[in-house]
Protein backbone atom coordinates (compact mmCIF):
# COMPACT_ATOMS: atom_id res chain seq x y z
CA MET A 1 -42.58 13.91 -13.48
CA THR A 2 -39.40 11.83 -13.56
CA GLU A 3 -36.81 13.16 -11.13
CA TRP A 4 -33.26 13.22 -12.42
CA THR A 5 -30.12 13.79 -10.37
CA VAL A 6 -26.45 14.20 -11.33
CA ASP A 7 -23.43 12.63 -9.65
CA HIS A 8 -19.90 11.64 -10.59
CA ALA A 9 -17.19 9.06 -10.12
CA VAL A 10 -13.44 9.62 -10.19
CA SER A 11 -11.45 7.42 -12.57
CA ARG A 12 -8.04 6.03 -11.69
CA ASP A 13 -6.18 8.95 -13.31
CA GLY A 14 -8.30 11.48 -11.42
CA THR A 15 -10.63 12.35 -14.30
CA ILE A 16 -14.23 13.12 -13.37
CA ILE A 17 -16.80 10.82 -14.99
CA GLY A 18 -20.18 12.46 -14.56
CA TYR A 19 -23.46 10.60 -14.83
CA ARG A 20 -27.17 11.27 -14.71
CA GLN A 21 -29.43 8.98 -12.70
CA VAL A 22 -33.12 8.31 -12.38
CA GLY A 23 -35.51 5.68 -11.06
CA ALA A 24 -35.72 3.28 -8.14
CA GLY A 25 -34.66 -0.34 -7.83
CA PRO A 26 -31.57 -2.37 -8.76
CA SER A 27 -28.83 -0.34 -10.40
CA LEU A 28 -28.30 -0.55 -14.16
CA VAL A 29 -25.71 1.45 -16.10
CA LEU A 30 -26.60 2.66 -19.62
CA LEU A 31 -23.42 3.40 -21.57
CA ALA A 32 -23.67 5.31 -24.85
CA GLY A 33 -21.68 4.87 -28.05
CA GLY A 34 -19.97 7.14 -30.55
CA MET A 35 -21.55 10.50 -31.34
CA GLN A 36 -23.67 10.12 -28.21
CA SER A 37 -23.75 11.37 -24.64
CA SER A 38 -25.86 10.43 -21.64
CA ARG A 39 -28.64 12.63 -23.00
CA ASN A 40 -29.23 10.20 -25.86
CA PHE A 41 -30.51 7.52 -23.47
CA THR A 42 -32.93 9.59 -21.39
CA GLN A 43 -36.06 8.11 -22.95
CA LEU A 44 -34.74 4.57 -22.54
CA ALA A 45 -33.95 5.32 -18.90
CA GLU A 46 -37.40 6.73 -18.21
CA LEU A 47 -39.00 3.63 -19.73
CA LEU A 48 -37.04 1.49 -17.24
CA ALA A 49 -37.19 3.80 -14.21
CA ASP A 50 -40.10 1.96 -12.59
CA HIS A 51 -37.93 -1.15 -12.11
CA PHE A 52 -34.34 0.11 -11.99
CA THR A 53 -32.12 2.92 -10.82
CA LEU A 54 -30.48 3.99 -14.08
CA HIS A 55 -27.00 5.53 -14.20
CA LEU A 56 -26.08 7.21 -17.51
CA PRO A 57 -22.39 8.16 -17.71
CA ASP A 58 -20.94 10.70 -20.09
CA ARG A 59 -17.88 9.06 -21.57
CA ARG A 60 -14.71 11.18 -21.69
CA GLY A 61 -14.81 14.36 -23.73
CA ARG A 62 -18.58 14.68 -23.39
CA GLY A 63 -21.00 16.58 -21.22
CA LEU A 64 -20.39 16.04 -17.53
CA SER A 65 -17.03 14.28 -17.85
CA GLY A 66 -13.41 15.32 -18.21
CA PRO A 67 -11.19 15.16 -21.32
CA PRO A 68 -9.88 11.94 -22.89
CA GLY A 69 -6.31 12.80 -21.93
CA PRO A 70 -3.04 11.98 -23.71
CA ASP A 71 -2.99 8.31 -22.64
CA TYR A 72 -6.50 7.40 -23.82
CA GLY A 73 -6.99 3.74 -24.74
CA ILE A 74 -8.71 0.53 -23.70
CA ASP A 75 -7.41 0.87 -20.14
CA THR A 76 -8.97 4.33 -19.90
CA GLU A 77 -12.43 3.04 -20.80
CA VAL A 78 -12.08 0.11 -18.40
CA ASP A 79 -11.01 2.41 -15.58
CA ASP A 80 -13.88 4.84 -16.26
CA LEU A 81 -16.62 2.22 -16.33
CA SER A 82 -15.11 0.50 -13.29
CA ALA A 83 -15.20 3.80 -11.39
CA VAL A 84 -18.89 4.28 -12.19
CA LEU A 85 -19.68 0.69 -11.17
CA ALA A 86 -17.84 1.12 -7.89
CA GLN A 87 -19.48 4.46 -7.14
CA THR A 88 -23.03 3.32 -7.91
CA GLY A 89 -22.82 -0.29 -6.74
CA ALA A 90 -24.13 -1.41 -10.13
CA ARG A 91 -23.11 -4.76 -11.58
CA ASP A 92 -25.31 -4.79 -14.68
CA VAL A 93 -24.67 -2.77 -17.84
CA PHE A 94 -26.43 -2.07 -21.12
CA ALA A 95 -24.13 -0.52 -23.70
CA LEU A 96 -24.32 0.51 -27.34
CA SER A 97 -21.69 0.39 -30.08
CA SER A 98 -18.25 1.57 -28.90
CA GLY A 99 -19.68 1.71 -25.38
CA ALA A 100 -20.38 -2.00 -25.78
CA ILE A 101 -16.75 -2.56 -26.75
CA ALA A 102 -15.68 -0.73 -23.58
CA THR A 103 -18.02 -3.00 -21.62
CA LEU A 104 -16.59 -6.15 -23.22
CA TRP A 105 -13.07 -5.13 -22.20
CA THR A 106 -14.24 -4.34 -18.68
CA ALA A 107 -15.90 -7.75 -18.39
CA LEU A 108 -12.69 -9.37 -19.59
CA ARG A 109 -10.28 -7.43 -17.37
CA ARG A 110 -12.45 -6.77 -14.29
CA PRO A 111 -14.83 -9.76 -14.23
CA GLN A 112 -15.50 -9.37 -10.52
CA MET A 113 -17.24 -6.02 -11.12
CA LEU A 114 -19.97 -7.25 -13.47
CA GLY A 115 -22.94 -9.57 -13.15
CA ARG A 116 -24.69 -9.34 -16.53
CA ILE A 117 -24.17 -7.26 -19.65
CA ALA A 118 -26.43 -6.45 -22.60
CA LEU A 119 -24.59 -5.27 -25.70
CA TYR A 120 -26.19 -3.57 -28.68
CA GLU A 121 -24.05 -4.11 -31.78
CA PRO A 122 -20.46 -3.64 -30.59
CA PRO A 123 -18.54 -2.83 -33.82
CA VAL A 124 -15.77 -5.37 -33.30
CA PRO A 125 -13.78 -5.60 -36.56
CA VAL A 126 -13.97 -9.18 -37.82
CA GLY A 127 -13.73 -8.97 -41.61
CA THR A 128 -14.93 -7.05 -44.66
CA PRO A 129 -16.63 -4.61 -44.61
CA SER A 130 -15.03 -3.14 -41.51
CA PRO A 131 -16.28 -0.48 -39.09
CA LEU A 132 -12.94 1.24 -39.70
CA ASP A 133 -13.23 1.62 -43.47
CA PHE A 134 -14.35 5.25 -43.36
CA VAL A 135 -12.09 6.39 -40.52
CA PRO A 136 -9.14 7.66 -42.63
CA ARG A 137 -11.45 10.01 -44.53
CA TYR A 138 -13.02 11.19 -41.26
CA GLU A 139 -9.56 11.89 -39.82
CA ARG A 140 -8.55 13.95 -42.85
CA GLU A 141 -11.72 16.03 -42.72
CA LEU A 142 -11.43 16.55 -38.98
CA ALA A 143 -7.77 17.63 -39.33
CA ALA A 144 -8.88 20.15 -41.96
CA GLY A 145 -11.42 21.58 -39.54
CA ASN A 146 -14.36 20.55 -41.73
CA LEU A 147 -16.78 19.31 -39.06
CA ALA A 148 -19.70 19.09 -41.49
CA ALA A 149 -17.78 16.81 -43.84
CA ALA A 150 -16.47 14.73 -40.94
CA MET A 151 -20.00 14.37 -39.60
CA SER A 152 -21.27 13.28 -43.02
CA THR A 153 -18.52 10.68 -43.23
CA ILE A 154 -19.45 9.27 -39.81
CA MET A 155 -23.11 9.10 -40.83
CA LYS A 156 -22.38 7.35 -44.11
CA GLY A 157 -19.87 4.97 -42.51
CA THR A 158 -22.21 3.88 -39.73
CA SER A 159 -25.52 4.13 -41.62
CA ASP A 160 -28.24 1.51 -41.57
CA ARG A 161 -29.19 -0.36 -44.70
CA ARG A 162 -31.80 1.38 -46.84
CA ASP A 163 -31.52 4.63 -44.88
CA TRP A 164 -32.65 7.36 -47.28
CA PHE A 165 -31.11 10.28 -45.37
CA THR A 166 -27.55 8.99 -45.18
CA GLY A 167 -28.00 7.80 -48.75
CA LEU A 168 -28.21 11.40 -49.95
CA PRO A 169 -25.34 12.57 -52.17
CA ARG A 170 -22.36 13.49 -50.02
CA PRO A 171 -22.30 17.20 -51.01
CA LEU A 172 -25.98 17.58 -50.12
CA LEU A 173 -25.62 15.73 -46.81
CA THR A 174 -22.56 17.82 -45.92
CA ALA A 175 -24.46 21.03 -46.69
CA ILE A 176 -27.31 19.93 -44.42
CA MET A 177 -24.86 19.05 -41.65
CA GLY A 178 -23.18 22.42 -42.07
CA MET A 179 -26.47 24.19 -41.45
CA ALA A 180 -27.16 22.02 -38.43
CA LEU A 181 -23.73 22.70 -36.94
CA ARG A 182 -24.14 26.45 -37.31
CA GLY A 183 -27.22 26.43 -35.10
CA ARG A 184 -27.22 28.18 -31.75
CA ASP A 185 -29.39 25.71 -29.90
CA GLU A 186 -28.33 23.01 -27.45
CA GLU A 187 -28.51 20.25 -30.04
CA ALA A 188 -26.13 22.03 -32.43
CA ALA A 189 -23.69 22.67 -29.60
CA ALA A 190 -23.81 19.00 -28.64
CA ILE A 191 -23.04 17.89 -32.19
CA ARG A 192 -20.09 20.28 -32.42
CA GLU A 193 -18.74 18.78 -29.21
CA LEU A 194 -19.29 15.17 -30.27
CA VAL A 195 -17.85 15.12 -33.80
CA PRO A 196 -14.20 15.37 -32.61
CA THR A 197 -14.75 12.69 -29.94
CA PHE A 198 -15.36 10.05 -32.59
CA ARG A 199 -11.59 9.76 -33.08
CA TYR A 200 -11.46 8.11 -29.66
CA ASP A 201 -14.24 5.68 -30.52
CA ALA A 202 -12.33 4.79 -33.68
CA GLN A 203 -9.17 4.28 -31.63
CA LEU A 204 -11.03 1.91 -29.28
CA ILE A 205 -12.49 -0.04 -32.21
CA ALA A 206 -9.09 -0.33 -33.91
CA ALA A 207 -7.47 -1.57 -30.70
CA THR A 208 -10.09 -4.36 -30.53
CA ALA A 209 -9.34 -5.71 -34.01
CA GLY A 210 -7.98 -9.25 -33.83
CA HIS A 211 -9.12 -9.80 -30.26
CA VAL A 212 -12.59 -11.32 -30.66
CA ARG A 213 -11.38 -14.72 -29.45
CA SER A 214 -10.10 -13.14 -26.25
CA PHE A 215 -13.68 -12.49 -25.18
CA ALA A 216 -14.27 -16.24 -24.84
CA ALA A 217 -12.90 -15.81 -21.32
CA ILE A 218 -15.97 -13.76 -20.32
CA ARG A 219 -18.07 -16.12 -18.20
CA ILE A 220 -21.02 -13.93 -17.24
CA PRO A 221 -24.42 -13.88 -19.01
CA VAL A 222 -24.33 -11.67 -22.11
CA LEU A 223 -27.30 -10.49 -24.18
CA LEU A 224 -26.28 -9.65 -27.76
CA VAL A 225 -28.83 -7.36 -29.41
CA GLY A 226 -29.02 -6.08 -32.96
CA GLY A 227 -31.41 -4.62 -35.48
CA ASP A 228 -32.34 -6.18 -38.80
CA ARG A 229 -31.58 -2.93 -40.66
CA SER A 230 -28.07 -2.35 -39.35
CA ASN A 231 -24.88 -1.99 -41.38
CA PRO A 232 -23.60 -5.45 -42.45
CA TYR A 233 -20.41 -5.27 -40.36
CA LEU A 234 -22.52 -5.18 -37.17
CA PRO A 235 -24.32 -8.56 -37.50
CA MET A 236 -20.94 -9.98 -38.55
CA ALA A 237 -19.52 -8.83 -35.22
CA LEU A 238 -22.49 -10.27 -33.32
CA ASP A 239 -22.06 -13.60 -35.11
CA ALA A 240 -18.39 -13.74 -34.11
CA LEU A 241 -19.10 -12.81 -30.51
CA GLN A 242 -21.94 -15.32 -30.24
CA GLN A 243 -19.51 -18.07 -31.25
CA GLU A 244 -16.96 -17.05 -28.63
CA LEU A 245 -18.98 -16.00 -25.57
CA PRO A 246 -19.96 -19.09 -23.54
CA GLN A 247 -23.11 -17.55 -22.00
CA ALA A 248 -24.39 -15.48 -24.91
CA GLU A 249 -28.02 -15.02 -25.88
CA ARG A 250 -28.79 -13.40 -29.25
CA VAL A 251 -31.80 -11.21 -30.07
CA GLU A 252 -32.63 -9.43 -33.32
CA ILE A 253 -35.16 -6.59 -33.18
CA LYS A 254 -37.20 -6.15 -36.33
CA GLY A 255 -37.59 -2.83 -38.09
CA VAL A 256 -34.70 -1.00 -36.40
CA GLY A 257 -31.06 -0.24 -36.98
CA HIS A 258 -28.00 0.70 -34.97
CA ILE A 259 -29.41 3.48 -32.78
CA ALA A 260 -32.69 1.88 -31.73
CA ALA A 261 -31.89 2.60 -28.06
CA ASP A 262 -31.39 6.32 -28.76
CA ASN A 263 -34.10 8.91 -28.10
CA VAL A 264 -34.57 9.24 -31.88
CA GLY A 265 -34.80 5.48 -32.37
CA LYS A 266 -37.30 3.06 -30.86
CA PRO A 267 -36.15 2.79 -27.25
CA GLY A 268 -39.35 1.04 -26.18
CA LEU A 269 -38.36 -2.05 -28.16
CA VAL A 270 -34.94 -2.11 -26.52
CA ALA A 271 -36.44 -1.50 -23.08
CA SER A 272 -38.62 -4.60 -23.46
CA GLU A 273 -35.57 -6.79 -24.07
CA LEU A 274 -33.69 -5.25 -21.16
CA ARG A 275 -36.58 -5.83 -18.78
CA ARG A 276 -36.71 -9.49 -19.79
CA PHE A 277 -32.96 -9.96 -19.41
CA PHE A 278 -32.24 -7.99 -16.24
CA ILE A 279 -35.35 -8.58 -14.14
């Protein structure tokens, strides 16, 4: 049996950033993206636990951590990840989606804290289509209190190519999401908690627009990972980052999309790339 423990760091503004940890060996932080918490990376962590000590933070507004707060922004994410790195002694990070954007900003602003980073499809806006195209509709639905519709909009806006489920007609998908959100189990409760947090991921993504060239100042080794089924704006972002980052290596995993590292994806394929890069 894999033995998990829970600990926390304290960010600069005093907010608790809780994290789960497992394994033995060099420390590696696994930072989740939008509509995710630390629980989404448990299978990935267990696949790596024989070589690493894995630290899985809950980003603000989720699970073990405190609220985003009124001053949430890029600095908040940098402070939170920096606090976890300082508390755990980790210098290596794997991050997905908006978590990867937070990691990019941390590498840029606190370079002394990081050794290597592996980034799975950070949705940096670099053209058309944009990872922000669906956000106004999401904001309207969230403001109206329609979590099922807001969830459907997130799913359609971030969906992989040729994904049959998110390709369902919007009314049908919203009805299915409504049933899921009304559940009384732990998964339903987690979704209800996560849908409103996406506004902060969108805020982080929007604040990164126009800054891709800034990341050229990041001088540490970076692994850029993507899936061949992901939404077109994600390989566009990886292309742009690969051009700017001086020590970037690019990997495309076949047969997967944006959430390959998630428990419901194919975390074994991602784990193989992380072993190669971090060991």
